[in-house]
Protein backbone atom coordinates (compact mmCIF):
# COMPACT_ATOMS: atom_id res chain seq x y z
CA MET A 1 52.88 -86.60 56.12
CA GLU A 2 50.63 -83.69 57.12
CA ASN A 3 51.66 -80.21 56.01
CA ASN A 4 51.71 -77.87 59.03
CA THR A 5 53.16 -74.90 57.16
CA PHE A 6 50.01 -72.79 57.44
CA ALA A 7 49.61 -73.35 61.16
CA LYS A 8 53.11 -71.93 61.65
CA HIS A 9 52.63 -68.94 59.35
CA PRO A 10 51.95 -65.65 61.23
CA THR A 11 48.55 -63.98 60.84
CA PHE A 12 47.96 -60.29 60.18
CA TYR A 13 46.17 -58.63 63.11
CA ALA A 14 44.92 -55.19 64.12
CA ILE A 15 44.58 -54.75 67.86
CA GLY A 16 43.84 -51.66 69.90
CA LEU A 17 41.21 -49.31 71.23
CA SER A 18 39.55 -46.08 70.18
CA TYR A 19 37.09 -43.40 71.29
CA LYS A 20 34.21 -45.69 70.24
CA LYS A 21 34.41 -47.87 73.35
CA ALA A 22 37.17 -46.33 75.46
CA ASP A 23 36.68 -43.03 77.27
CA ALA A 24 39.46 -40.45 77.57
CA GLU A 25 40.71 -41.88 80.86
CA MET A 26 41.02 -45.40 79.43
CA ARG A 27 42.62 -44.12 76.20
CA GLY A 28 45.09 -42.26 78.39
CA LYS A 29 46.14 -45.52 80.08
CA PHE A 30 47.04 -47.06 76.71
CA SER A 31 48.52 -43.90 75.22
CA LEU A 32 52.09 -44.30 73.91
CA ASP A 33 54.50 -41.41 73.72
CA ASP A 34 57.47 -41.48 71.30
CA LYS A 35 59.74 -43.26 73.77
CA ALA A 36 57.13 -45.92 74.57
CA LYS A 37 56.47 -46.54 70.85
CA LEU A 38 60.17 -47.02 70.19
CA ASN A 39 60.52 -49.35 73.19
CA LEU A 40 57.54 -51.36 71.98
CA LEU A 41 59.04 -51.79 68.52
CA LEU A 42 62.44 -52.78 69.90
CA GLN A 43 60.80 -55.29 72.24
CA ALA A 44 58.83 -56.72 69.32
CA LYS A 45 62.07 -57.19 67.43
CA GLU A 46 63.67 -58.96 70.39
CA GLU A 47 60.67 -61.27 70.66
CA GLY A 48 60.92 -62.30 67.01
CA LEU A 49 58.01 -60.34 65.52
CA GLU A 50 59.01 -59.34 62.01
CA SER A 51 56.54 -56.69 60.85
CA LEU A 52 54.30 -54.24 62.69
CA VAL A 53 53.31 -50.59 62.82
CA VAL A 54 52.18 -48.68 65.94
CA THR A 55 49.97 -45.58 66.07
CA SER A 56 48.91 -43.66 69.17
CA THR A 57 46.81 -40.50 68.99
CA CYS A 58 44.37 -38.73 71.30
CA ASN A 59 41.55 -40.86 69.87
CA ARG A 60 43.14 -44.29 69.47
CA THR A 61 46.09 -46.58 70.06
CA GLU A 62 46.53 -49.40 67.56
CA ILE A 63 49.05 -52.01 66.48
CA TYR A 64 48.92 -53.59 63.03
CA GLY A 65 51.22 -56.54 62.56
CA PHE A 66 51.99 -60.21 62.08
CA ALA A 67 51.91 -62.63 65.00
CA GLN A 68 51.21 -66.27 65.75
CA HIS A 69 48.55 -65.10 68.22
CA PRO A 70 47.06 -61.63 68.90
CA PHE A 71 48.09 -61.84 72.57
CA GLN A 72 51.70 -61.26 71.44
CA LEU A 73 50.63 -57.79 70.28
CA ILE A 74 48.32 -57.16 73.25
CA LYS A 75 51.17 -58.06 75.63
CA LEU A 76 53.47 -55.57 73.88
CA LEU A 77 50.89 -52.81 74.23
CA CYS A 78 50.18 -53.48 77.91
CA GLU A 79 53.84 -53.80 78.86
CA ASN A 80 54.67 -50.45 77.28
CA SER A 81 51.68 -48.48 78.56
CA GLN A 82 49.73 -48.02 81.78
CA GLY A 83 46.95 -50.31 80.53
CA THR A 84 46.30 -53.86 81.71
CA VAL A 85 45.08 -56.94 79.88
CA GLU A 86 41.85 -56.73 81.92
CA ASP A 87 41.34 -53.11 80.77
CA PHE A 88 42.10 -54.13 77.20
CA GLN A 89 39.50 -56.90 77.23
CA LYS A 90 36.80 -54.45 78.36
CA VAL A 91 37.19 -51.84 75.62
CA ALA A 92 39.49 -53.06 72.87
CA PHE A 93 39.18 -54.82 69.52
CA VAL A 94 41.07 -57.61 67.77
CA TYR A 95 40.74 -58.03 64.01
CA LYS A 96 42.52 -60.52 61.77
CA ASN A 97 43.32 -60.82 58.06
CA ASN A 98 40.70 -59.05 55.88
CA GLU A 99 39.01 -57.38 58.86
CA ALA A 100 42.38 -56.03 60.02
CA ILE A 101 43.07 -54.72 56.51
CA SER A 102 39.64 -53.03 56.43
CA GLN A 103 40.32 -51.42 59.81
CA MET A 104 43.48 -49.74 58.54
CA PHE A 105 41.65 -48.48 55.44
CA ARG A 106 38.79 -46.97 57.51
CA VAL A 107 41.15 -45.39 60.03
CA GLY A 108 43.58 -44.04 57.45
CA THR A 109 40.86 -42.48 55.30
CA GLY A 110 39.12 -40.62 58.12
CA LEU A 111 35.95 -42.77 58.09
CA ASP A 112 36.72 -44.02 61.60
CA SER A 113 37.80 -40.64 62.98
CA GLN A 114 35.98 -39.12 65.94
CA ILE A 115 35.19 -36.23 63.61
CA LEU A 116 34.29 -37.70 60.23
CA GLY A 117 36.73 -36.81 57.45
CA ASP A 118 39.57 -35.77 59.76
CA PHE A 119 42.66 -36.71 57.75
CA GLU A 120 45.32 -35.99 60.39
CA ILE A 121 45.63 -39.73 61.12
CA ILE A 122 47.09 -40.53 57.68
CA SER A 123 50.26 -38.52 58.38
CA GLN A 124 50.58 -40.27 61.73
CA LEU A 125 50.23 -43.64 60.00
CA LYS A 126 52.91 -42.65 57.47
CA ASN A 127 55.29 -41.61 60.25
CA ALA A 128 54.61 -44.83 62.14
CA PHE A 129 55.42 -46.88 59.05
CA VAL A 130 58.65 -44.93 58.40
CA GLN A 131 59.76 -45.68 61.96
CA SER A 132 59.00 -49.41 61.55
CA LYS A 133 60.85 -49.52 58.25
CA GLU A 134 63.92 -47.84 59.74
CA LEU A 135 63.99 -50.64 62.33
CA ASN A 136 63.54 -53.32 59.63
CA LEU A 137 60.08 -54.13 60.99
CA ALA A 138 58.09 -53.63 57.79
CA ASN A 139 57.70 -56.43 55.24
CA ASN A 140 56.43 -56.09 51.66
CA PHE A 141 52.84 -56.81 52.72
CA LEU A 142 52.78 -54.00 55.29
CA GLU A 143 54.48 -51.53 52.93
CA ARG A 144 52.04 -52.30 50.13
CA LEU A 145 49.08 -52.03 52.53
CA VAL A 146 50.13 -48.66 53.97
CA ASN A 147 50.73 -47.31 50.46
CA ALA A 148 47.27 -48.54 49.39
CA VAL A 149 45.68 -46.78 52.38
CA ILE A 150 47.59 -43.57 51.53
CA GLN A 151 46.35 -43.87 47.93
CA ALA A 152 42.75 -44.30 49.12
CA SER A 153 43.07 -41.36 51.50
CA LYS A 154 44.35 -39.06 48.74
CA LYS A 155 41.63 -40.17 46.31
CA ILE A 156 38.85 -39.68 48.87
CA LYS A 157 40.17 -36.24 49.76
CA THR A 158 40.38 -35.29 46.07
CA ASP A 159 37.25 -36.96 44.66
CA THR A 160 34.74 -36.48 47.51
CA GLU A 161 33.70 -33.67 49.82
CA ILE A 162 33.95 -35.74 52.99
CA SER A 163 36.52 -33.33 54.42
CA SER A 164 34.81 -30.17 53.18
CA GLY A 165 33.97 -27.40 55.61
CA ALA A 166 35.90 -26.48 58.70
CA THR A 167 35.44 -29.04 61.43
CA SER A 168 37.91 -30.64 63.82
CA VAL A 169 38.43 -30.78 67.55
CA SER A 170 40.37 -27.51 67.33
CA PHE A 171 37.61 -25.87 65.28
CA ALA A 172 34.96 -27.23 67.68
CA SER A 173 37.02 -25.75 70.55
CA VAL A 174 36.91 -22.30 69.00
CA GLN A 175 33.20 -22.64 68.23
CA TYR A 176 32.56 -23.59 71.85
CA ILE A 177 34.56 -20.62 73.15
CA PHE A 178 32.72 -18.16 70.92
CA LYS A 179 29.32 -19.56 71.88
CA ASN A 180 29.98 -19.58 75.61
CA VAL A 181 32.24 -16.59 76.28
CA GLU A 182 30.79 -13.14 75.71
CA ASP A 183 32.91 -10.38 74.18
CA ILE A 184 35.69 -12.91 73.42
CA SER A 185 37.83 -10.40 71.53
CA ASN A 186 38.45 -8.55 74.79
CA LYS A 187 39.00 -11.62 76.98
CA ASN A 188 42.36 -13.11 77.92
CA ILE A 189 43.09 -16.52 76.39
CA LEU A 190 45.94 -18.67 77.70
CA LEU A 191 47.14 -21.63 75.64
CA PHE A 192 49.23 -24.12 77.64
CA GLY A 193 51.07 -26.65 75.46
CA THR A 194 52.06 -26.79 71.80
CA GLY A 195 50.56 -30.10 70.68
CA LYS A 196 49.06 -30.24 67.19
CA ILE A 197 45.48 -29.69 68.34
CA GLY A 198 46.65 -26.83 70.55
CA ARG A 199 48.51 -25.18 67.66
CA ASN A 200 45.47 -25.49 65.39
CA THR A 201 43.24 -24.06 68.11
CA CYS A 202 45.62 -21.15 68.55
CA GLU A 203 45.60 -20.44 64.80
CA ASN A 204 41.79 -20.45 64.76
CA LEU A 205 41.64 -18.15 67.78
CA VAL A 206 44.09 -15.71 66.18
CA LYS A 207 41.84 -15.46 63.14
CA HIS A 208 38.86 -14.45 65.25
CA SER A 209 40.22 -12.47 68.21
CA LYS A 210 42.84 -9.87 69.10
CA HIS A 211 46.46 -11.09 69.21
CA GLU A 212 47.36 -9.09 72.29
CA HIS A 213 44.85 -11.09 74.35
CA ILE A 214 46.38 -14.50 73.52
CA THR A 215 49.28 -15.85 75.58
CA LEU A 216 51.22 -19.04 74.92
CA ILE A 217 53.13 -21.09 77.51
CA ASN A 218 55.07 -24.30 76.95
CA ARG A 219 57.54 -26.23 79.11
CA THR A 220 60.07 -25.81 76.29
CA LYS A 221 59.96 -22.09 75.61
CA ASP A 222 61.67 -22.16 72.20
CA LYS A 223 58.82 -24.29 70.79
CA ALA A 224 56.32 -21.73 72.00
CA GLU A 225 58.37 -18.88 70.54
CA LYS A 226 58.44 -20.50 67.09
CA ILE A 227 54.63 -20.65 67.06
CA ALA A 228 54.33 -17.18 68.61
CA ASN A 229 56.52 -15.63 65.91
CA LYS A 230 54.33 -17.13 63.23
CA LEU A 231 51.02 -16.12 64.86
CA ASN A 232 52.15 -12.89 66.56
CA VAL A 233 51.03 -13.87 70.07
CA ILE A 234 52.62 -13.34 73.51
CA VAL A 235 54.91 -15.95 75.08
CA LYS A 236 55.47 -16.36 78.82
CA ASP A 237 57.79 -18.61 80.83
CA TYR A 238 56.54 -21.90 82.24
CA ALA A 239 57.31 -20.48 85.70
CA ASP A 240 54.60 -17.84 85.09
CA LEU A 241 51.85 -20.43 84.49
CA GLN A 242 50.03 -19.96 87.82
CA LEU A 243 50.05 -16.16 87.50
CA GLU A 244 48.87 -16.24 83.86
CA ILE A 245 46.01 -18.62 84.73
CA GLN A 246 44.77 -16.04 87.25
CA LYS A 247 44.63 -13.43 84.46
CA ALA A 248 42.93 -15.74 81.95
CA ASP A 249 39.26 -15.96 81.05
CA VAL A 250 39.86 -19.04 78.89
CA LEU A 251 42.54 -21.70 79.42
CA VAL A 252 43.25 -24.18 76.62
CA VAL A 253 45.40 -27.11 77.76
CA ALA A 254 47.09 -29.15 75.01
CA THR A 255 50.16 -30.67 76.64
CA GLY A 256 51.53 -34.15 76.07
CA ALA A 257 52.12 -34.95 79.74
CA LEU A 258 51.21 -38.37 81.12
CA ASN A 259 49.78 -36.86 84.34
CA PRO A 260 47.61 -33.78 85.01
CA THR A 261 49.49 -30.49 84.71
CA VAL A 262 46.63 -28.28 85.88
CA ASP A 263 45.21 -28.92 89.34
CA LYS A 264 42.80 -27.21 91.74
CA ALA A 265 45.79 -26.42 93.98
CA ILE A 266 47.32 -23.97 91.45
CA LEU A 267 44.05 -22.13 90.71
CA ASN A 268 43.78 -19.01 92.82
CA LEU A 269 40.97 -17.49 90.79
CA LYS A 270 39.32 -14.11 91.15
CA LYS A 271 36.99 -14.49 88.14
CA PRO A 272 35.28 -17.26 86.12
CA LEU A 273 37.55 -19.51 84.05
CA LEU A 274 36.63 -21.76 81.13
CA ILE A 275 39.12 -24.64 80.78
CA LEU A 276 39.31 -26.73 77.60
CA ASP A 277 41.37 -29.90 78.03
CA LEU A 278 42.47 -31.07 74.57
CA SER A 279 44.92 -33.66 75.89
CA ILE A 280 45.07 -37.45 76.01
CA PRO A 281 45.72 -38.53 78.72
CA LYS A 282 43.65 -35.80 80.42
CA ASN A 283 45.95 -33.03 81.61
CA VAL A 284 43.46 -31.22 83.83
CA ASN A 285 42.57 -32.80 87.15
CA GLU A 286 38.83 -33.32 87.63
CA ASN A 287 39.14 -31.65 91.06
CA VAL A 288 39.09 -28.22 89.36
CA LYS A 289 35.32 -28.71 88.99
CA GLU A 290 35.03 -28.34 92.75
CA LEU A 291 35.56 -24.61 92.20
CA ASP A 292 32.34 -22.73 91.41
CA THR A 293 34.19 -20.36 89.09
CA VAL A 294 35.54 -23.13 86.82
CA THR A 295 33.90 -24.73 83.79
CA LEU A 296 35.85 -27.75 82.50
CA VAL A 297 35.25 -29.17 79.02
CA HIS A 298 37.16 -32.17 77.64
CA MET A 299 37.86 -32.86 73.97
CA ASP A 300 35.43 -35.82 73.93
CA GLN A 301 32.59 -33.40 74.68
CA LEU A 302 33.77 -31.07 71.93
CA ALA A 303 33.93 -33.93 69.43
CA GLU A 304 30.30 -34.72 70.11
CA MET A 305 29.28 -31.26 68.94
CA THR A 306 27.66 -32.07 65.62
CA ASP A 307 26.82 -29.31 63.21
CA GLU A 308 25.64 -28.85 59.67
CA THR A 309 29.15 -29.41 58.30
CA LEU A 310 29.36 -32.90 59.77
CA GLU A 311 25.87 -33.80 58.55
CA ASN A 312 26.89 -32.76 55.03
CA ARG A 313 30.02 -34.90 55.26
CA LYS A 314 27.97 -38.01 56.02
CA LYS A 315 26.39 -37.78 52.57
CA HIS A 316 29.80 -38.57 51.04
CA ILE A 317 30.42 -41.76 53.03
CA PRO A 318 29.11 -44.11 50.26
CA ALA A 319 31.44 -42.52 47.68
CA ALA A 320 34.38 -42.83 50.07
CA GLU A 321 33.53 -46.45 50.83
CA ALA A 322 33.38 -47.26 47.10
CA ILE A 323 36.90 -45.84 46.66
CA ILE A 324 38.14 -47.90 49.60
CA GLU A 325 36.61 -51.10 48.19
CA GLU A 326 38.18 -50.54 44.78
CA ILE A 327 41.69 -49.98 46.14
CA LYS A 328 41.31 -52.67 48.81
CA ASP A 329 40.24 -55.21 46.15
CA GLU A 330 43.39 -54.41 44.17
CA PHE A 331 45.47 -54.96 47.30
CA LEU A 332 43.73 -58.25 48.14
CA ALA A 333 44.25 -59.46 44.56
CA TRP A 334 47.96 -58.69 44.98
CA THR A 335 48.13 -60.56 48.30
CA LYS A 336 46.37 -63.56 46.80
CA GLN A 337 48.71 -63.68 43.83
CA ARG A 338 51.68 -63.15 46.14
CA LYS A 339 50.57 -66.13 48.18
CA PHE A 340 50.19 -68.59 45.33
CA ALA A 341 52.85 -67.29 42.90
CA PRO A 342 55.68 -69.35 44.52
CA THR A 343 53.53 -72.48 44.22
CA ILE A 344 52.80 -71.83 40.53
CA HIS A 345 56.52 -71.22 39.90
CA ALA A 346 57.41 -74.44 41.74
CA LEU A 347 54.72 -76.35 39.82
CA LYS A 348 56.05 -75.06 36.51
CA ALA A 349 59.60 -76.05 37.51
CA LYS A 350 58.35 -79.53 38.47
CA LEU A 351 56.52 -80.00 35.16
CA ASN A 352 59.61 -78.78 33.27
CA SER A 353 61.69 -81.30 35.18
CA ILE A 354 59.26 -84.10 34.18
CA LYS A 355 59.36 -82.82 30.59
CA ASP A 356 63.17 -82.77 30.48
CA GLY A 357 63.33 -86.34 31.76
CA GLU A 358 60.79 -87.54 29.23
CA LEU A 359 62.47 -85.74 26.31
CA ASN A 360 65.83 -87.26 27.28
CA PHE A 361 64.20 -90.72 27.27
CA GLN A 362 62.56 -90.16 23.87
CA ARG A 363 65.75 -88.67 22.42
CA LYS A 364 67.59 -91.93 23.15
CA LYS A 365 64.72 -94.11 21.98
CA ILE A 366 63.80 -92.41 18.69
CA SER A 367 66.51 -91.98 16.05
CA ASN A 368 64.87 -89.12 14.14
CA PHE A 369 63.42 -87.43 17.21
CA ASP A 370 62.29 -83.84 16.44
CA GLU A 371 63.53 -82.18 19.62
CA GLU A 372 62.51 -78.64 18.63
CA GLN A 373 58.92 -79.67 17.87
CA ALA A 374 58.67 -81.74 21.06
CA GLU A 375 60.03 -78.83 23.13
CA LEU A 376 57.49 -76.43 21.62
CA ILE A 377 54.49 -78.72 22.18
CA SER A 378 55.43 -79.70 25.73
CA ALA A 379 56.11 -76.04 26.68
CA ARG A 380 52.63 -75.08 25.46
CA ILE A 381 51.04 -77.94 27.40
CA ILE A 382 52.90 -76.93 30.60
CA GLN A 383 51.79 -73.32 30.17
CA LYS A 384 48.15 -74.39 29.72
CA ILE A 385 48.29 -76.61 32.83
CA THR A 386 49.84 -73.90 35.01
CA ASN A 387 47.31 -71.34 33.68
CA HIS A 388 44.48 -73.66 34.77
CA PHE A 389 45.92 -73.88 38.28
CA ALA A 390 46.57 -70.11 38.42
CA ASN A 391 43.00 -69.33 37.32
CA HIS A 392 41.66 -71.73 39.95
CA LEU A 393 43.72 -70.00 42.66
CA LYS A 394 42.61 -66.55 41.49
CA ASP A 395 38.93 -67.45 41.78
CA ASP A 396 37.16 -65.66 44.61
CA GLU A 397 35.50 -68.93 45.69
CA THR A 398 38.82 -70.78 46.02
CA MET A 399 40.19 -71.65 49.46
CA VAL A 400 43.72 -70.63 48.53
CA ASP A 401 45.62 -72.13 51.47
CA GLU A 402 43.96 -75.53 51.10
CA SER A 403 44.42 -75.55 47.32
CA ILE A 404 48.12 -74.69 47.63
CA GLU A 405 48.58 -77.47 50.16
CA TRP A 406 46.80 -79.92 47.83
CA ILE A 407 48.94 -78.92 44.80
CA GLU A 408 52.14 -79.27 46.82
CA LYS A 409 51.14 -82.72 48.05
CA ILE A 410 50.08 -84.04 44.63
CA PHE A 411 53.15 -82.78 42.79
CA GLN A 412 55.53 -83.26 45.72
CA ILE A 413 56.82 -79.69 45.65
CA GLU A 414 57.81 -77.27 48.41
CA THR A 415 57.72 -73.50 48.44
CA ALA A 416 59.67 -71.43 50.95
CA VAL A 417 57.37 -68.38 50.80
CA LYS A 418 53.67 -68.52 51.58
């Protein structure tokens, strides 16, 4: 009878999209806020998926998990975002098994970041895993993989200079402002929103300009006040947004809204205004460009600003990749052993069963049967046989699934875990 176990066993996939093929508008369609991520995970649980982790940042939205077919994961993403399957097919990726594992390593270690060496993603991956684990949606494989990626990220950060020098979207924002706005220390800067990139931008601006010229507005005022107290900047009510924009020379928008929060209709400008939109989805309506006094720059444009720091970081890519390969190889060796260990245990139990039957037969047949000696010899033979099979399964050239199936057929054994 044919063994169909492997056909039924879920495959590990990575599906999603990133800045590489999807522009900001498309990434915005597939963006998942906290509520959408939770709904996606709960839906996955209802649909019988047992292990997955979901990340959604300004640069990417990805799902790593086990499924019979990748469309199960694609469907979850589309049903919990504004994206469609047709959109997904145009710009997204689907990786399986080793390629999916490699994708998580590259993303988690900053090698796949829009700005090389940006390690913010690793904390987001950790948080995503914690959420999955709390919902009992993280198996041993996923936990071990995430921990391996965290280990690689730490080692790369410690042992290489791939994250050396100040460069990030927030740093690029400040660089852009300083290069394009004259006498910045005497200009009014308005920061709308308290997202992470916005906070980092605000911190960088405080370092290089006068505090009394920086104003912070957020829909939830207490969040703004916490940041303002730390950075010693001015806080205004959300109701004052339109008035404060009129006073501003630079507007930095870093809100988490799903639809534009700044529109041509609210801009009653009497002087030039530089707007930096650091949000995904975009939070500034493109119609503001219809005003001659407005210059609009989106974070994708800022991320393209390469400088000497980024060029220096590229020199450390080979060292980072070597660290990834070393830790990934250890993980793959663990997965391989995890896959065949139940078969080796079952084989050993089967051989011991054969041994026990044969010793019982010989015990009855031979009057002076040396049971201790026979037990010792047969145990050594069984160990040597199982070692041969284990070494075969460990070999890089071995097709593990096929070999396991063959062993189970020959010795008529079954293993519950693959």
